[in-house]
Amino acid sequence: MSRFNLYLLLITTVIAILSSTSKSIRFELQSGNTKCIAEDIKSNSMTVGKYSIVNPHDGQPLPASYKLTVRVTSSYGNNYHHSELVESGQFAFTASEAGDYMACFWAADHKPAVTLNIDFDWKTGVAAKDWTNVAKKGSVDVMELELKKMYDTVISVQEEMNYLREREEEMQDLNISTNVKMAWLSFLSIAVCLSVAGLQVWHLKTFFQKKKLI
């Protein structure tokens, strides 16, 4: 393998790692409590998620008290998924707005209290695409499939860079606006202080003149 191909492979691997977002976790949730997990998703990005309650006793049915209520919402309060009293489920949608998306899990209250172990897999962007189905539907070979992955990865990186550039411009505009407001506030504070000092001098001068001290 030539040095150029080695560099190309390294760059492609780094891009693929940076551009794909996948969050697979297992967490505990006590009955009657709620736990929320946030994911920053940019607009028009595909996202898929799967969740399930881990059976504490293999080979036996899941206890009847092991139920979840799951809701996925955007930072604007829009609801993208809602399931009540389920043992497992999944969701998939294309984000119509950029920002933090919240997946909240609530365990049904039960006496005595129980602790649920929950597996949750959340993927966004390129990682959310089902490449197996793409290969089957398109009848493509391995090399072509890898090229499709690379192409989508590059597009995803470009979109992420544009998104970060827009966020940076917004932050710069906010900083400029804040600095201008702080400058005006400082000028106003100085003007008020000078005005108060002038009024105090005028008042003292008037007082001393009435007392004929000056």
C-alpha atoms as a PDB file:
ATOM      1  CA  MET A   1       0.000   0.000   0.000  1.00  0.00           C
ATOM      2  CA  SER A   2       1.439   3.383  -1.052  1.00  0.00           C
ATOM      3  CA  ARG A   3       1.877   6.259   1.374  1.00  0.00           C
ATOM      4  CA  PHE A   4      -0.862   8.220  -0.436  1.00  0.00           C
ATOM      5  CA  ASN A   5      -3.362   5.377  -0.058  1.00  0.00           C
ATOM      6  CA  LEU A   6      -2.392   5.018   3.599  1.00  0.00           C
ATOM      7  CA  TYR A   7      -3.023   8.712   4.200  1.00  0.00           C
ATOM      8  CA  LEU A   8      -6.302   8.503   2.319  1.00  0.00           C
ATOM      9  CA  LEU A   9      -7.431   5.537   4.410  1.00  0.00           C
ATOM     10  CA  LEU A  10      -6.441   7.323   7.626  1.00  0.00           C
ATOM     11  CA  ILE A  11      -8.298  10.514   6.664  1.00  0.00           C
ATOM     12  CA  THR A  12     -11.376   8.549   5.626  1.00  0.00           C
ATOM     13  CA  THR A  13     -11.364   6.628   8.914  1.00  0.00           C
ATOM     14  CA  VAL A  14     -11.051   9.816  10.968  1.00  0.00           C
ATOM     15  CA  ILE A  15     -13.855  11.482   8.991  1.00  0.00           C
ATOM     16  CA  ALA A  16     -16.089   8.467   9.447  1.00  0.00           C
ATOM     17  CA  ILE A  17     -15.461   8.449  13.202  1.00  0.00           C
ATOM     18  CA  LEU A  18     -16.077  12.180  13.581  1.00  0.00           C
ATOM     19  CA  SER A  19     -19.134  12.410  11.348  1.00  0.00           C
ATOM     20  CA  SER A  20     -21.163   9.530  12.755  1.00  0.00           C
ATOM     21  CA  THR A  21     -22.994   9.869  16.040  1.00  0.00           C
ATOM     22  CA  SER A  22     -24.029   6.722  17.853  1.00  0.00           C
ATOM     23  CA  LYS A  23     -24.993   6.483  21.489  1.00  0.00           C
ATOM     24  CA  SER A  24     -25.521   2.997  22.902  1.00  0.00           C
ATOM     25  CA  ILE A  25     -25.937   2.883  26.658  1.00  0.00           C
ATOM     26  CA  ARG A  26     -27.430   0.831  29.470  1.00  0.00           C
ATOM     27  CA  PHE A  27     -28.801   2.627  32.506  1.00  0.00           C
ATOM     28  CA  GLU A  28     -30.852   1.942  35.626  1.00  0.00           C
ATOM     29  CA  LEU A  29     -34.269   3.452  36.273  1.00  0.00           C
ATOM     30  CA  GLN A  30     -36.283   3.054  39.452  1.00  0.00           C
ATOM     31  CA  SER A  31     -40.047   2.684  39.228  1.00  0.00           C
ATOM     32  CA  GLY A  32     -41.899   5.967  39.574  1.00  0.00           C
ATOM     33  CA  ASN A  33     -38.878   7.979  38.344  1.00  0.00           C
ATOM     34  CA  THR A  34     -37.924   9.644  35.080  1.00  0.00           C
ATOM     35  CA  LYS A  35     -34.594   9.803  33.234  1.00  0.00           C
ATOM     36  CA  CYS A  36     -33.935  11.956  30.169  1.00  0.00           C
ATOM     37  CA  ILE A  37     -31.113  11.688  27.623  1.00  0.00           C
ATOM     38  CA  ALA A  38     -30.270  14.571  25.274  1.00  0.00           C
ATOM     39  CA  GLU A  39     -28.784  14.460  21.795  1.00  0.00           C
ATOM     40  CA  ASP A  40     -27.770  17.467  19.695  1.00  0.00           C
ATOM     41  CA  ILE A  41     -29.176  16.901  16.192  1.00  0.00           C
ATOM     42  CA  LYS A  42     -28.901  19.260  13.250  1.00  0.00           C
ATOM     43  CA  SER A  43     -31.783  20.003  10.913  1.00  0.00           C
ATOM     44  CA  ASN A  44     -32.714  17.423   8.226  1.00  0.00           C
ATOM     45  CA  SER A  45     -30.648  14.699   9.909  1.00  0.00           C
ATOM     46  CA  MET A  46     -31.978  11.163  10.138  1.00  0.00           C
ATOM     47  CA  THR A  47     -32.134   9.646  13.617  1.00  0.00           C
ATOM     48  CA  VAL A  48     -33.166   6.195  14.829  1.00  0.00           C
ATOM     49  CA  GLY A  49     -33.440   4.766  18.304  1.00  0.00           C
ATOM     50  CA  LYS A  50     -34.189   1.435  19.960  1.00  0.00           C
ATOM     51  CA  TYR A  51     -34.886   0.754  23.619  1.00  0.00           C
ATOM     52  CA  SER A  52     -35.772  -2.305  25.642  1.00  0.00           C
ATOM     53  CA  ILE A  53     -35.978  -3.451  29.243  1.00  0.00           C
ATOM     54  CA  VAL A  54     -33.338  -6.028  30.125  1.00  0.00           C
ATOM     55  CA  ASN A  55     -34.893  -9.232  31.442  1.00  0.00           C
ATOM     56  CA  PRO A  56     -33.267  -9.984  34.831  1.00  0.00           C
ATOM     57  CA  HIS A  57     -34.131 -13.677  34.492  1.00  0.00           C
ATOM     58  CA  ASP A  58     -33.145 -15.279  31.187  1.00  0.00           C
ATOM     59  CA  GLY A  59     -35.612 -17.800  29.851  1.00  0.00           C
ATOM     60  CA  GLN A  60     -38.503 -16.408  31.900  1.00  0.00           C
ATOM     61  CA  PRO A  61     -41.192 -13.884  30.946  1.00  0.00           C
ATOM     62  CA  LEU A  62     -40.559 -10.278  31.841  1.00  0.00           C
ATOM     63  CA  PRO A  63     -42.361  -9.339  35.094  1.00  0.00           C
ATOM     64  CA  ALA A  64     -45.674  -7.546  34.568  1.00  0.00           C
ATOM     65  CA  SER A  65     -44.462  -4.540  36.564  1.00  0.00           C
ATOM     66  CA  TYR A  66     -41.630  -3.866  34.107  1.00  0.00           C
ATOM     67  CA  LYS A  67     -43.205  -1.180  31.908  1.00  0.00           C
ATOM     68  CA  LEU A  68     -41.907   2.025  30.353  1.00  0.00           C
ATOM     69  CA  THR A  69     -43.403   5.235  29.033  1.00  0.00           C
ATOM     70  CA  VAL A  70     -41.117   6.879  26.476  1.00  0.00           C
ATOM     71  CA  ARG A  71     -41.360  10.307  24.883  1.00  0.00           C
ATOM     72  CA  VAL A  72     -38.977  11.987  22.401  1.00  0.00           C
ATOM     73  CA  THR A  73     -39.303  15.755  22.000  1.00  0.00           C
ATOM     74  CA  SER A  74     -37.352  18.596  20.430  1.00  0.00           C
ATOM     75  CA  SER A  75     -36.077  21.684  22.204  1.00  0.00           C
ATOM     76  CA  TYR A  76     -39.137  23.491  20.845  1.00  0.00           C
ATOM     77  CA  GLY A  77     -41.490  21.047  22.561  1.00  0.00           C
ATOM     78  CA  ASN A  78     -42.555  19.149  19.432  1.00  0.00           C
ATOM     79  CA  ASN A  79     -43.341  15.479  20.039  1.00  0.00           C
ATOM     80  CA  TYR A  80     -41.621  12.936  17.760  1.00  0.00           C
ATOM     81  CA  HIS A  81     -42.322   9.687  19.599  1.00  0.00           C
ATOM     82  CA  HIS A  82     -44.590   8.571  22.426  1.00  0.00           C
ATOM     83  CA  SER A  83     -45.218   5.072  23.770  1.00  0.00           C
ATOM     84  CA  GLU A  84     -46.940   4.193  27.021  1.00  0.00           C
ATOM     85  CA  LEU A  85     -46.388   1.154  29.246  1.00  0.00           C
ATOM     86  CA  VAL A  86     -44.238  -0.852  26.833  1.00  0.00           C
ATOM     87  CA  GLU A  87     -41.360  -3.272  27.302  1.00  0.00           C
ATOM     88  CA  SER A  88     -39.459  -2.179  24.187  1.00  0.00           C
ATOM     89  CA  GLY A  89     -39.831   0.023  21.170  1.00  0.00           C
ATOM     90  CA  GLN A  90     -38.106   2.054  18.498  1.00  0.00           C
ATOM     91  CA  PHE A  91     -38.415   5.380  16.731  1.00  0.00           C
ATOM     92  CA  ALA A  92     -37.139   6.954  13.533  1.00  0.00           C
ATOM     93  CA  PHE A  93     -37.600  10.446  12.156  1.00  0.00           C
ATOM     94  CA  THR A  94     -35.892  13.226  10.255  1.00  0.00           C
ATOM     95  CA  ALA A  95     -35.224  16.235  12.436  1.00  0.00           C
ATOM     96  CA  SER A  96     -37.074  19.267  11.098  1.00  0.00           C
ATOM     97  CA  GLU A  97     -35.300  21.641  13.479  1.00  0.00           C
ATOM     98  CA  ALA A  98     -31.798  21.846  14.886  1.00  0.00           C
ATOM     99  CA  GLY A  99     -31.117  21.638  18.604  1.00  0.00           C
ATOM    100  CA  ASP A 100     -31.198  19.298  21.578  1.00  0.00           C
ATOM    101  CA  TYR A 101     -33.649  16.392  21.383  1.00  0.00           C
ATOM    102  CA  MET A 102     -34.718  14.717  24.622  1.00  0.00           C
ATOM    103  CA  ALA A 103     -35.607  11.042  25.040  1.00  0.00           C
ATOM    104  CA  CYS A 104     -37.339  10.721  28.425  1.00  0.00           C
ATOM    105  CA  PHE A 105     -38.050   7.366  30.088  1.00  0.00           C
ATOM    106  CA  TRP A 106     -40.562   6.985  32.889  1.00  0.00           C
ATOM    107  CA  ALA A 107     -40.961   3.714  34.771  1.00  0.00           C
ATOM    108  CA  ALA A 108     -44.451   2.884  35.967  1.00  0.00           C
ATOM    109  CA  ASP A 109     -44.843   3.246  39.724  1.00  0.00           C
ATOM    110  CA  HIS A 110     -44.873  -0.049  41.557  1.00  0.00           C
ATOM    111  CA  LYS A 111     -44.922  -1.230  45.161  1.00  0.00           C
ATOM    112  CA  PRO A 112     -42.470  -2.483  46.202  1.00  0.00           C
ATOM    113  CA  ALA A 113     -40.175  -0.364  44.055  1.00  0.00           C
ATOM    114  CA  VAL A 114     -38.201  -2.111  41.317  1.00  0.00           C
ATOM    115  CA  THR A 115     -35.094  -1.071  39.393  1.00  0.00           C
ATOM    116  CA  LEU A 116     -35.132  -1.512  35.619  1.00  0.00           C
ATOM    117  CA  ASN A 117     -32.053  -1.943  33.429  1.00  0.00           C
ATOM    118  CA  ILE A 118     -32.679  -0.350  30.054  1.00  0.00           C
ATOM    119  CA  ASP A 119     -30.695  -0.759  26.836  1.00  0.00           C
ATOM    120  CA  PHE A 120     -30.896   2.332  24.637  1.00  0.00           C
ATOM    121  CA  ASP A 121     -29.292   2.704  21.205  1.00  0.00           C
ATOM    122  CA  TRP A 122     -29.550   6.136  19.544  1.00  0.00           C
ATOM    123  CA  LYS A 123     -27.965   6.872  16.166  1.00  0.00           C
ATOM    124  CA  THR A 124     -27.961  10.027  14.051  1.00  0.00           C
ATOM    125  CA  GLY A 125     -26.554  11.091  10.714  1.00  0.00           C
ATOM    126  CA  VAL A 126     -24.642   8.546   8.659  1.00  0.00           C
ATOM    127  CA  ALA A 127     -24.711   6.029  11.522  1.00  0.00           C
ATOM    128  CA  ALA A 128     -28.527   5.979  11.348  1.00  0.00           C
ATOM    129  CA  LYS A 129     -28.619   4.728   7.770  1.00  0.00           C
ATOM    130  CA  ASP A 130     -29.375   1.040   7.237  1.00  0.00           C
ATOM    131  CA  TRP A 131     -26.592   0.101   4.850  1.00  0.00           C
ATOM    132  CA  THR A 132     -27.637  -3.550   4.748  1.00  0.00           C
ATOM    133  CA  ASN A 133     -30.998  -2.650   3.221  1.00  0.00           C
ATOM    134  CA  VAL A 134     -29.293  -0.224   0.860  1.00  0.00           C
ATOM    135  CA  ALA A 135     -27.068  -3.032  -0.411  1.00  0.00           C
ATOM    136  CA  LYS A 136     -30.003  -5.424  -0.794  1.00  0.00           C
ATOM    137  CA  LYS A 137     -32.295  -2.954  -2.558  1.00  0.00           C
ATOM    138  CA  GLY A 138     -29.607  -1.548  -4.800  1.00  0.00           C
ATOM    139  CA  SER A 139     -27.848  -4.836  -5.549  1.00  0.00           C
ATOM    140  CA  VAL A 140     -24.466  -3.185  -5.105  1.00  0.00           C
ATOM    141  CA  ASP A 141     -21.157  -4.857  -4.395  1.00  0.00           C
ATOM    142  CA  VAL A 142     -18.957  -4.287  -1.359  1.00  0.00           C
ATOM    143  CA  MET A 143     -16.717  -1.703  -3.050  1.00  0.00           C
ATOM    144  CA  GLU A 144     -19.664   0.329  -4.299  1.00  0.00           C
ATOM    145  CA  LEU A 145     -21.293   0.153  -0.879  1.00  0.00           C
ATOM    146  CA  GLU A 146     -18.117   1.455   0.756  1.00  0.00           C
ATOM    147  CA  LEU A 147     -17.996   4.281  -1.779  1.00  0.00           C
ATOM    148  CA  LYS A 148     -21.610   5.157  -0.959  1.00  0.00           C
ATOM    149  CA  LYS A 149     -20.718   5.199   2.724  1.00  0.00           C
ATOM    150  CA  MET A 150     -17.737   7.464   2.049  1.00  0.00           C
ATOM    151  CA  TYR A 151     -19.826   9.782  -0.100  1.00  0.00           C
ATOM    152  CA  ASP A 152     -22.550  10.101   2.522  1.00  0.00           C
ATOM    153  CA  THR A 153     -19.880  10.598   5.183  1.00  0.00           C
ATOM    154  CA  VAL A 154     -18.254  13.416   3.242  1.00  0.00           C
ATOM    155  CA  ILE A 155     -21.659  15.062   2.684  1.00  0.00           C
ATOM    156  CA  SER A 156     -22.394  14.702   6.388  1.00  0.00           C
ATOM    157  CA  VAL A 157     -19.046  16.268   7.315  1.00  0.00           C
ATOM    158  CA  GLN A 158     -19.676  19.144   4.911  1.00  0.00           C
ATOM    159  CA  GLU A 159     -23.119  19.743   6.392  1.00  0.00           C
ATOM    160  CA  GLU A 160     -21.662  19.580   9.901  1.00  0.00           C
ATOM    161  CA  MET A 161     -18.988  22.117   8.962  1.00  0.00           C
ATOM    162  CA  ASN A 162     -21.612  24.439   7.480  1.00  0.00           C
ATOM    163  CA  TYR A 163     -23.710  24.019  10.616  1.00  0.00           C
ATOM    164  CA  LEU A 164     -20.736  24.791  12.861  1.00  0.00           C
ATOM    165  CA  ARG A 165     -19.869  27.797  10.699  1.00  0.00           C
ATOM    166  CA  GLU A 166     -23.430  29.110  11.046  1.00  0.00           C
ATOM    167  CA  ARG A 167     -23.313  28.574  14.810  1.00  0.00           C
ATOM    168  CA  GLU A 168     -19.971  30.385  14.958  1.00  0.00           C
ATOM    169  CA  GLU A 169     -21.410  33.335  13.007  1.00  0.00           C
ATOM    170  CA  GLU A 170     -24.396  33.427  15.347  1.00  0.00           C
ATOM    171  CA  MET A 171     -22.067  33.429  18.356  1.00  0.00           C
ATOM    172  CA  GLN A 172     -19.964  36.209  16.825  1.00  0.00           C
ATOM    173  CA  ASP A 173     -23.081  38.290  16.163  1.00  0.00           C
ATOM    174  CA  LEU A 174     -24.215  37.664  19.724  1.00  0.00           C
ATOM    175  CA  ASN A 175     -20.798  38.679  21.096  1.00  0.00           C
ATOM    176  CA  ILE A 176     -20.778  41.869  19.024  1.00  0.00           C
ATOM    177  CA  SER A 177     -24.315  42.708  20.099  1.00  0.00           C
ATOM    178  CA  THR A 178     -23.446  42.027  23.748  1.00  0.00           C
ATOM    179  CA  ASN A 179     -20.286  44.151  23.553  1.00  0.00           C
ATOM    180  CA  VAL A 180     -22.233  47.045  22.008  1.00  0.00           C
ATOM    181  CA  LYS A 181     -24.889  46.825  24.712  1.00  0.00           C
ATOM    182  CA  MET A 182     -22.227  46.671  27.432  1.00  0.00           C
ATOM    183  CA  ALA A 183     -20.491  49.723  25.924  1.00  0.00           C
ATOM    184  CA  TRP A 184     -23.748  51.695  25.945  1.00  0.00           C
ATOM    185  CA  LEU A 185     -24.466  50.505  29.487  1.00  0.00           C
ATOM    186  CA  SER A 186     -21.000  51.612  30.619  1.00  0.00           C
ATOM    187  CA  PHE A 187     -21.479  55.012  28.932  1.00  0.00           C
ATOM    188  CA  LEU A 188     -24.885  55.386  30.566  1.00  0.00           C
ATOM    189  CA  SER A 189     -23.464  54.389  33.968  1.00  0.00           C
ATOM    190  CA  ILE A 190     -20.678  56.978  33.639  1.00  0.00           C
ATOM    191  CA  ALA A 191     -23.193  59.637  32.570  1.00  0.00           C
ATOM    192  CA  VAL A 192     -25.438  58.839  35.543  1.00  0.00           C
ATOM    193  CA  CYS A 193     -22.484  58.897  37.969  1.00  0.00           C
ATOM    194  CA  LEU A 194     -21.285  62.272  36.602  1.00  0.00           C
ATOM    195  CA  SER A 195     -24.822  63.657  36.762  1.00  0.00           C
ATOM    196  CA  VAL A 196     -25.234  62.521  40.370  1.00  0.00           C
ATOM    197  CA  ALA A 197     -21.828  63.960  41.274  1.00  0.00           C
ATOM    198  CA  GLY A 198     -22.752  67.274  39.628  1.00  0.00           C
ATOM    199  CA  LEU A 199     -26.068  67.403  41.489  1.00  0.00           C
ATOM    200  CA  GLN A 200     -24.281  66.715  44.766  1.00  0.00           C
ATOM    201  CA  VAL A 201     -21.783  69.523  44.127  1.00  0.00           C
ATOM    202  CA  TRP A 202     -24.616  71.883  43.164  1.00  0.00           C
ATOM    203  CA  HIS A 203     -26.605  70.912  46.269  1.00  0.00           C
ATOM    204  CA  LEU A 204     -23.613  71.406  48.580  1.00  0.00           C
ATOM    205  CA  LYS A 205     -22.801  74.752  46.957  1.00  0.00           C
ATOM    206  CA  THR A 206     -26.421  75.896  47.344  1.00  0.00           C
ATOM    207  CA  PHE A 207     -26.479  74.699  50.963  1.00  0.00           C
ATOM    208  CA  PHE A 208     -23.283  76.548  51.865  1.00  0.00           C
ATOM    209  CA  GLN A 209     -24.484  79.691  50.101  1.00  0.00           C
ATOM    210  CA  LYS A 210     -27.718  79.657  52.119  1.00  0.00           C
ATOM    211  CA  LYS A 211     -25.702  79.232  55.294  1.00  0.00           C
ATOM    212  CA  LYS A 212     -23.464  82.055  54.051  1.00  0.00           C
ATOM    213  CA  LEU A 213     -20.433  79.898  54.526  1.00  0.00           C
ATOM    214  CA  ILE A 214     -19.134  80.766  51.078  1.00  0.00           C
END
